[in-house]
C-alpha cells in the first residue's frame, strides 16, 4: 500500500531546492535523475552510498512522517485536508540553516532556535493523525525499540513516529550515518557547496505532500499546497 508524508520542501525555484536536489541526485517533483556534484576525496560509488536513503525519501524536512491512510480515506481526502490546514496559516521566513551533525548523519539544521518550525510540525502531527492508519506489523518492524527512549516509545505508540513534539528536530537530511573519515571530508565540503543556497532568503510558504507508491519505492512530490496568507 502507498504511504504519504507531509514535508517542508524548499520553494521550487530556490537555490535551496536546486542545490539539494543536485546533491542527492534525484528531483522528487519532476522525477528526473540529476547528475550529482563531484566530491574530491570521496569516490562516486561511496558518494552514492552515503546519499542512498535521503535520495529515496526526496529533498525535504519532515513535518509528519510517512503513514498509511486509514480505512475510508483516499488520497483526495488527504489533499483536501492539507488544503484546509494550509488555508489557515501564513507564510513565514525560514530561519537560517547550517550544515550540522545529528547522531552521525549530516543535515541542514536551524542555526538558532526555531520554535515556529517546531510548532508547524506539531500542528501537522496532530491535525492529520485522524487520517493515519494504526501501526501495522511492518511499521513496527522498521523501528528498533531498543534504541528509543521511553518518551520516544510513547510518541511512537501515540503518533506512529518517535521523533515528534518534544523529540522533534527540524532538518533536511544530507547523508546516511557516516564514518569519522567520511564526515571529515563531507562536512566542510557541504558547507562550501551549500553556502550560496544558505545565504538566500527562503520562505516557508506551504506544505508538500509526498507519496511512496509502493514499499521501498522512491518518494515523489505529489503536490505543493500553499499557505493562505
C-alpha atoms as a PDB file:
ATOM      1  CA  UNK A   1       0.000   0.000   0.000  1.00  0.00           C
ATOM      2  CA  UNK A   2       1.196   3.535  -0.625  1.00  0.00           C
ATOM      3  CA  UNK A   3       2.333   5.776   2.197  1.00  0.00           C
ATOM      4  CA  UNK A   4       2.066   9.542   2.389  1.00  0.00           C
ATOM      5  CA  UNK A   5       4.136  12.174   4.173  1.00  0.00           C
ATOM      6  CA  UNK A   6       3.853  15.892   4.823  1.00  0.00           C
ATOM      7  CA  UNK A   7       7.113  17.705   4.284  1.00  0.00           C
ATOM      8  CA  UNK A   8       8.653  21.113   4.019  1.00  0.00           C
ATOM      9  CA  UNK A   9      10.134  21.211   0.514  1.00  0.00           C
ATOM     10  CA  UNK A  10      12.071  24.373  -0.358  1.00  0.00           C
ATOM     11  CA  UNK A  11      10.298  26.535  -2.961  1.00  0.00           C
ATOM     12  CA  UNK A  12      10.768  25.097  -6.440  1.00  0.00           C
ATOM     13  CA  UNK A  13      12.780  27.943  -7.924  1.00  0.00           C
ATOM     14  CA  UNK A  14      15.015  28.490  -4.917  1.00  0.00           C
ATOM     15  CA  UNK A  15      18.718  27.719  -4.725  1.00  0.00           C
ATOM     16  CA  UNK A  16      17.963  25.669  -1.627  1.00  0.00           C
ATOM     17  CA  UNK A  17      15.763  23.393  -3.715  1.00  0.00           C
ATOM     18  CA  UNK A  18      18.002  23.049  -6.769  1.00  0.00           C
ATOM     19  CA  UNK A  19      21.220  22.678  -4.751  1.00  0.00           C
ATOM     20  CA  UNK A  20      19.732  19.973  -2.528  1.00  0.00           C
ATOM     21  CA  UNK A  21      18.161  18.104  -5.444  1.00  0.00           C
ATOM     22  CA  UNK A  22      21.503  18.084  -7.257  1.00  0.00           C
ATOM     23  CA  UNK A  23      23.357  16.870  -4.164  1.00  0.00           C
ATOM     24  CA  UNK A  24      21.001  13.905  -3.744  1.00  0.00           C
ATOM     25  CA  UNK A  25      20.883  13.166  -7.475  1.00  0.00           C
ATOM     26  CA  UNK A  26      17.098  12.986  -7.892  1.00  0.00           C
ATOM     27  CA  UNK A  27      14.300  15.502  -8.299  1.00  0.00           C
ATOM     28  CA  UNK A  28      11.219  14.112  -6.496  1.00  0.00           C
ATOM     29  CA  UNK A  29       8.963  16.675  -8.203  1.00  0.00           C
ATOM     30  CA  UNK A  30       9.969  16.199 -11.859  1.00  0.00           C
ATOM     31  CA  UNK A  31      11.155  12.630 -11.075  1.00  0.00           C
ATOM     32  CA  UNK A  32      14.321  13.268 -13.055  1.00  0.00           C
ATOM     33  CA  UNK A  33      17.679  11.720 -12.175  1.00  0.00           C
ATOM     34  CA  UNK A  34      20.216  14.518 -11.732  1.00  0.00           C
ATOM     35  CA  UNK A  35      23.998  14.290 -12.059  1.00  0.00           C
ATOM     36  CA  UNK A  36      25.420  14.971  -8.575  1.00  0.00           C
ATOM     37  CA  UNK A  37      28.443  17.198  -7.968  1.00  0.00           C
ATOM     38  CA  UNK A  38      31.922  15.696  -7.640  1.00  0.00           C
ATOM     39  CA  UNK A  39      33.261  15.470  -4.099  1.00  0.00           C
ATOM     40  CA  UNK A  40      37.047  15.373  -4.064  1.00  0.00           C
ATOM     41  CA  UNK A  41      38.209  12.778  -1.577  1.00  0.00           C
ATOM     42  CA  UNK A  42      35.117  10.589  -1.986  1.00  0.00           C
ATOM     43  CA  UNK A  43      34.601   8.045  -4.752  1.00  0.00           C
ATOM     44  CA  UNK A  44      31.397   8.311  -6.844  1.00  0.00           C
ATOM     45  CA  UNK A  45      30.320   4.893  -5.550  1.00  0.00           C
ATOM     46  CA  UNK A  46      30.802   5.900  -1.920  1.00  0.00           C
ATOM     47  CA  UNK A  47      29.040   9.218  -2.550  1.00  0.00           C
ATOM     48  CA  UNK A  48      26.038   7.321  -3.901  1.00  0.00           C
ATOM     49  CA  UNK A  49      26.063   5.036  -0.854  1.00  0.00           C
ATOM     50  CA  UNK A  50      26.076   7.874   1.675  1.00  0.00           C
ATOM     51  CA  UNK A  51      23.107   9.574  -0.027  1.00  0.00           C
ATOM     52  CA  UNK A  52      21.035   6.430  -0.638  1.00  0.00           C
ATOM     53  CA  UNK A  53      18.239   6.895   1.927  1.00  0.00           C
ATOM     54  CA  UNK A  54      17.970  10.700   1.599  1.00  0.00           C
ATOM     55  CA  UNK A  55      17.735  10.250  -2.181  1.00  0.00           C
ATOM     56  CA  UNK A  56      14.875   7.751  -1.847  1.00  0.00           C
ATOM     57  CA  UNK A  57      12.904   9.966   0.547  1.00  0.00           C
ATOM     58  CA  UNK A  58      13.494  13.106  -1.539  1.00  0.00           C
ATOM     59  CA  UNK A  59      14.846  16.537  -0.630  1.00  0.00           C
ATOM     60  CA  UNK A  60      12.752  17.669   2.328  1.00  0.00           C
ATOM     61  CA  UNK A  61      12.347  18.299   6.032  1.00  0.00           C
ATOM     62  CA  UNK A  62       9.757  16.108   7.747  1.00  0.00           C
ATOM     63  CA  UNK A  63       6.640  17.682   9.255  1.00  0.00           C
ATOM     64  CA  UNK A  64       4.585  14.467   9.503  1.00  0.00           C
ATOM     65  CA  UNK A  65       6.448  11.231   8.863  1.00  0.00           C
ATOM     66  CA  UNK A  66       5.255   8.667   6.283  1.00  0.00           C
ATOM     67  CA  UNK A  67       1.992   6.931   7.134  1.00  0.00           C
ATOM     68  CA  UNK A  68      -0.644   4.731   5.535  1.00  0.00           C
ATOM     69  CA  UNK A  69      -4.092   6.244   5.126  1.00  0.00           C
ATOM     70  CA  UNK A  70      -6.744   4.964   7.493  1.00  0.00           C
ATOM     71  CA  UNK A  71      -9.573   2.891   6.107  1.00  0.00           C
ATOM     72  CA  UNK A  72     -12.178   5.076   4.427  1.00  0.00           C
ATOM     73  CA  UNK A  73      -9.767   7.857   3.438  1.00  0.00           C
ATOM     74  CA  UNK A  74      -8.481   8.422  -0.100  1.00  0.00           C
ATOM     75  CA  UNK A  75      -5.541  10.479  -1.409  1.00  0.00           C
ATOM     76  CA  UNK A  76      -8.128  13.064  -2.499  1.00  0.00           C
ATOM     77  CA  UNK A  77      -9.341  13.291   1.103  1.00  0.00           C
ATOM     78  CA  UNK A  78      -5.770  13.836   2.273  1.00  0.00           C
ATOM     79  CA  UNK A  79      -5.196  16.624  -0.247  1.00  0.00           C
ATOM     80  CA  UNK A  80      -8.460  18.272   0.761  1.00  0.00           C
ATOM     81  CA  UNK A  81      -7.390  18.213   4.409  1.00  0.00           C
ATOM     82  CA  UNK A  82      -3.981  19.632   3.529  1.00  0.00           C
ATOM     83  CA  UNK A  83      -5.718  22.486   1.696  1.00  0.00           C
ATOM     84  CA  UNK A  84      -7.881  23.115   4.755  1.00  0.00           C
ATOM     85  CA  UNK A  85      -4.846  23.059   7.059  1.00  0.00           C
ATOM     86  CA  UNK A  86      -2.802  25.383   4.852  1.00  0.00           C
ATOM     87  CA  UNK A  87      -5.610  27.881   4.268  1.00  0.00           C
ATOM     88  CA  UNK A  88      -5.429  28.883   7.947  1.00  0.00           C
ATOM     89  CA  UNK A  89      -1.695  29.540   8.009  1.00  0.00           C
ATOM     90  CA  UNK A  90       0.591  32.339   6.916  1.00  0.00           C
ATOM     91  CA  UNK A  91       3.922  32.306   5.137  1.00  0.00           C
ATOM     92  CA  UNK A  92       6.948  32.980   7.336  1.00  0.00           C
ATOM     93  CA  UNK A  93      10.722  33.254   6.776  1.00  0.00           C
ATOM     94  CA  UNK A  94      12.733  30.080   7.052  1.00  0.00           C
ATOM     95  CA  UNK A  95      15.193  30.552   9.930  1.00  0.00           C
ATOM     96  CA  UNK A  96      18.901  30.480   8.957  1.00  0.00           C
ATOM     97  CA  UNK A  97      20.254  26.997   8.404  1.00  0.00           C
ATOM     98  CA  UNK A  98      23.706  25.438   8.686  1.00  0.00           C
ATOM     99  CA  UNK A  99      25.304  22.053   7.992  1.00  0.00           C
ATOM    100  CA  UNK A 100      25.299  20.063  11.228  1.00  0.00           C
ATOM    101  CA  UNK A 101      25.631  16.512  12.524  1.00  0.00           C
ATOM    102  CA  UNK A 102      22.706  14.633  14.080  1.00  0.00           C
ATOM    103  CA  UNK A 103      23.522  11.252  15.584  1.00  0.00           C
ATOM    104  CA  UNK A 104      26.166  10.546  12.957  1.00  0.00           C
ATOM    105  CA  UNK A 105      24.496  11.875   9.805  1.00  0.00           C
ATOM    106  CA  UNK A 106      24.765  15.318   8.233  1.00  0.00           C
ATOM    107  CA  UNK A 107      21.786  17.580   7.661  1.00  0.00           C
ATOM    108  CA  UNK A 108      20.805  21.206   7.261  1.00  0.00           C
ATOM    109  CA  UNK A 109      19.606  22.302  10.685  1.00  0.00           C
ATOM    110  CA  UNK A 110      18.454  25.632  12.160  1.00  0.00           C
ATOM    111  CA  UNK A 111      21.350  27.851  13.208  1.00  0.00           C
ATOM    112  CA  UNK A 112      19.248  29.212  16.075  1.00  0.00           C
ATOM    113  CA  UNK A 113      16.082  28.364  17.993  1.00  0.00           C
ATOM    114  CA  UNK A 114      13.256  27.753  15.538  1.00  0.00           C
ATOM    115  CA  UNK A 115      10.049  27.499  17.571  1.00  0.00           C
ATOM    116  CA  UNK A 116       7.939  28.411  14.550  1.00  0.00           C
ATOM    117  CA  UNK A 117       9.113  25.248  12.744  1.00  0.00           C
ATOM    118  CA  UNK A 118       8.548  23.081  15.799  1.00  0.00           C
ATOM    119  CA  UNK A 119       5.032  24.465  16.158  1.00  0.00           C
ATOM    120  CA  UNK A 120       4.233  23.827  12.499  1.00  0.00           C
ATOM    121  CA  UNK A 121       5.428  20.222  12.754  1.00  0.00           C
ATOM    122  CA  UNK A 122       3.445  19.599  15.954  1.00  0.00           C
ATOM    123  CA  UNK A 123       0.316  21.038  14.325  1.00  0.00           C
ATOM    124  CA  UNK A 124       0.796  18.738  11.321  1.00  0.00           C
ATOM    125  CA  UNK A 125       1.244  15.681  13.540  1.00  0.00           C
ATOM    126  CA  UNK A 126      -1.958  16.434  15.462  1.00  0.00           C
ATOM    127  CA  UNK A 127      -4.157  17.714  12.639  1.00  0.00           C
ATOM    128  CA  UNK A 128      -3.583  14.760  10.288  1.00  0.00           C
ATOM    129  CA  UNK A 129      -3.488  11.977  12.848  1.00  0.00           C
ATOM    130  CA  UNK A 130      -7.118  11.051  12.212  1.00  0.00           C
ATOM    131  CA  UNK A 131      -6.138  10.125   8.634  1.00  0.00           C
ATOM    132  CA  UNK A 132      -3.357   7.778   9.770  1.00  0.00           C
ATOM    133  CA  UNK A 133      -3.975   4.019   9.881  1.00  0.00           C
ATOM    134  CA  UNK A 134      -2.988   2.217  13.086  1.00  0.00           C
ATOM    135  CA  UNK A 135       0.570   0.928  13.213  1.00  0.00           C
ATOM    136  CA  UNK A 136       0.979  -2.295  11.264  1.00  0.00           C
ATOM    137  CA  UNK A 137       3.408  -5.154  11.825  1.00  0.00           C
ATOM    138  CA  UNK A 138       5.563  -3.721   9.020  1.00  0.00           C
ATOM    139  CA  UNK A 139       5.553  -0.296  10.673  1.00  0.00           C
ATOM    140  CA  UNK A 140       6.724  -1.840  13.923  1.00  0.00           C
ATOM    141  CA  UNK A 141       9.399  -3.931  12.213  1.00  0.00           C
ATOM    142  CA  UNK A 142      11.020  -0.763  10.845  1.00  0.00           C
ATOM    143  CA  UNK A 143      11.590   0.579  14.353  1.00  0.00           C
ATOM    144  CA  UNK A 144      14.031  -0.929  16.856  1.00  0.00           C
ATOM    145  CA  UNK A 145      12.576  -0.094  20.290  1.00  0.00           C
ATOM    146  CA  UNK A 146      15.912  -0.781  21.967  1.00  0.00           C
ATOM    147  CA  UNK A 147      17.367   2.424  20.515  1.00  0.00           C
ATOM    148  CA  UNK A 148      14.418   4.577  21.610  1.00  0.00           C
ATOM    149  CA  UNK A 149      13.968   6.390  24.891  1.00  0.00           C
ATOM    150  CA  UNK A 150      10.822   5.846  26.932  1.00  0.00           C
ATOM    151  CA  UNK A 151       9.443   9.159  25.690  1.00  0.00           C
ATOM    152  CA  UNK A 152      10.164   8.220  22.059  1.00  0.00           C
ATOM    153  CA  UNK A 153       8.414   4.873  22.514  1.00  0.00           C
ATOM    154  CA  UNK A 154       5.394   6.709  23.900  1.00  0.00           C
ATOM    155  CA  UNK A 155       5.339   9.011  20.888  1.00  0.00           C
ATOM    156  CA  UNK A 156       5.670   6.033  18.544  1.00  0.00           C
ATOM    157  CA  UNK A 157       2.642   4.359  20.076  1.00  0.00           C
ATOM    158  CA  UNK A 158       0.564   7.565  20.164  1.00  0.00           C
ATOM    159  CA  UNK A 159       1.571   9.258  16.924  1.00  0.00           C
ATOM    160  CA  UNK A 160       3.139   6.489  14.824  1.00  0.00           C
ATOM    161  CA  UNK A 161       6.600   8.077  14.882  1.00  0.00           C
ATOM    162  CA  UNK A 162       9.034   8.583  17.761  1.00  0.00           C
ATOM    163  CA  UNK A 163      10.621  11.905  16.821  1.00  0.00           C
ATOM    164  CA  UNK A 164       7.694  14.285  17.283  1.00  0.00           C
ATOM    165  CA  UNK A 165       6.657  17.042  19.698  1.00  0.00           C
ATOM    166  CA  UNK A 166       9.423  17.488  22.308  1.00  0.00           C
ATOM    167  CA  UNK A 167      11.614  14.980  20.406  1.00  0.00           C
ATOM    168  CA  UNK A 168      11.296  16.794  17.058  1.00  0.00           C
ATOM    169  CA  UNK A 169      14.351  18.297  15.366  1.00  0.00           C
ATOM    170  CA  UNK A 170      13.816  20.144  12.090  1.00  0.00           C
ATOM    171  CA  UNK A 171      16.360  19.041   9.484  1.00  0.00           C
ATOM    172  CA  UNK A 172      16.889  18.392   5.795  1.00  0.00           C
ATOM    173  CA  UNK A 173      18.867  15.163   5.617  1.00  0.00           C
ATOM    174  CA  UNK A 174      22.037  15.139   3.519  1.00  0.00           C
ATOM    175  CA  UNK A 175      23.654  11.767   4.247  1.00  0.00           C
ATOM    176  CA  UNK A 176      23.417   8.378   5.867  1.00  0.00           C
ATOM    177  CA  UNK A 177      25.279   7.861   9.136  1.00  0.00           C
ATOM    178  CA  UNK A 178      28.939   8.440   8.348  1.00  0.00           C
ATOM    179  CA  UNK A 179      32.279   7.143   9.452  1.00  0.00           C
ATOM    180  CA  UNK A 180      34.551   9.730  11.068  1.00  0.00           C
ATOM    181  CA  UNK A 181      36.693   9.747   7.905  1.00  0.00           C
ATOM    182  CA  UNK A 182      33.749  10.396   5.572  1.00  0.00           C
ATOM    183  CA  UNK A 183      32.366  13.062   7.902  1.00  0.00           C
ATOM    184  CA  UNK A 184      35.703  14.864   7.976  1.00  0.00           C
ATOM    185  CA  UNK A 185      35.640  15.058   4.172  1.00  0.00           C
ATOM    186  CA  UNK A 186      31.961  15.812   3.679  1.00  0.00           C
ATOM    187  CA  UNK A 187      31.064  18.379   6.341  1.00  0.00           C
ATOM    188  CA  UNK A 188      33.440  21.145   5.163  1.00  0.00           C
ATOM    189  CA  UNK A 189      32.725  20.262   1.540  1.00  0.00           C
ATOM    190  CA  UNK A 190      28.952  20.537   2.063  1.00  0.00           C
ATOM    191  CA  UNK A 191      29.374  23.820   3.943  1.00  0.00           C
ATOM    192  CA  UNK A 192      31.048  25.260   0.846  1.00  0.00           C
ATOM    193  CA  UNK A 193      28.615  23.604  -1.561  1.00  0.00           C
ATOM    194  CA  UNK A 194      25.501  24.969   0.203  1.00  0.00           C
ATOM    195  CA  UNK A 195      26.968  28.403   1.052  1.00  0.00           C
ATOM    196  CA  UNK A 196      25.084  30.343  -1.631  1.00  0.00           C
ATOM    197  CA  UNK A 197      21.836  28.459  -1.015  1.00  0.00           C
ATOM    198  CA  UNK A 198      22.033  29.125   2.724  1.00  0.00           C
ATOM    199  CA  UNK A 199      22.640  32.816   2.115  1.00  0.00           C
ATOM    200  CA  UNK A 200      19.404  33.093   0.097  1.00  0.00           C
ATOM    201  CA  UNK A 201      16.231  34.266   1.847  1.00  0.00           C
ATOM    202  CA  UNK A 202      13.689  31.428   1.740  1.00  0.00           C
ATOM    203  CA  UNK A 203      10.112  31.355   2.975  1.00  0.00           C
ATOM    204  CA  UNK A 204       8.063  28.522   4.397  1.00  0.00           C
ATOM    205  CA  UNK A 205       5.038  29.052   2.194  1.00  0.00           C
ATOM    206  CA  UNK A 206       3.190  25.752   2.327  1.00  0.00           C
ATOM    207  CA  UNK A 207       3.262  22.005   2.816  1.00  0.00           C
ATOM    208  CA  UNK A 208       4.414  19.430   0.280  1.00  0.00           C
ATOM    209  CA  UNK A 209       2.561  16.118   0.035  1.00  0.00           C
ATOM    210  CA  UNK A 210       4.869  13.221  -0.842  1.00  0.00           C
ATOM    211  CA  UNK A 211       3.880   9.685  -1.790  1.00  0.00           C
ATOM    212  CA  UNK A 212       5.709   6.373  -1.555  1.00  0.00           C
ATOM    213  CA  UNK A 213       3.731   4.445  -4.211  1.00  0.00           C
ATOM    214  CA  UNK A 214       4.948   1.005  -3.082  1.00  0.00           C
ATOM    215  CA  UNK A 215       7.117  -0.282  -0.235  1.00  0.00           C
ATOM    216  CA  UNK A 216      10.743   0.669  -0.888  1.00  0.00           C
ATOM    217  CA  UNK A 217       9.923   2.864  -3.885  1.00  0.00           C
ATOM    218  CA  UNK A 218      11.299   6.386  -4.241  1.00  0.00           C
ATOM    219  CA  UNK A 219       9.078   9.061  -2.717  1.00  0.00           C
ATOM    220  CA  UNK A 220       7.627  11.561  -5.167  1.00  0.00           C
ATOM    221  CA  UNK A 221       6.262  15.034  -4.604  1.00  0.00           C
ATOM    222  CA  UNK A 222       2.555  14.823  -5.415  1.00  0.00           C
ATOM    223  CA  UNK A 223       1.524  18.398  -4.722  1.00  0.00           C
ATOM    224  CA  UNK A 224       2.663  21.621  -3.106  1.00  0.00           C
ATOM    225  CA  UNK A 225      -0.140  23.316  -1.154  1.00  0.00           C
ATOM    226  CA  UNK A 226       0.418  26.971  -0.335  1.00  0.00           C
ATOM    227  CA  UNK A 227      -0.483  28.767   2.858  1.00  0.00           C
ATOM    228  CA  UNK A 228      -3.443  31.107   2.749  1.00  0.00           C
ATOM    229  CA  UNK A 229      -1.612  34.221   3.970  1.00  0.00           C
END
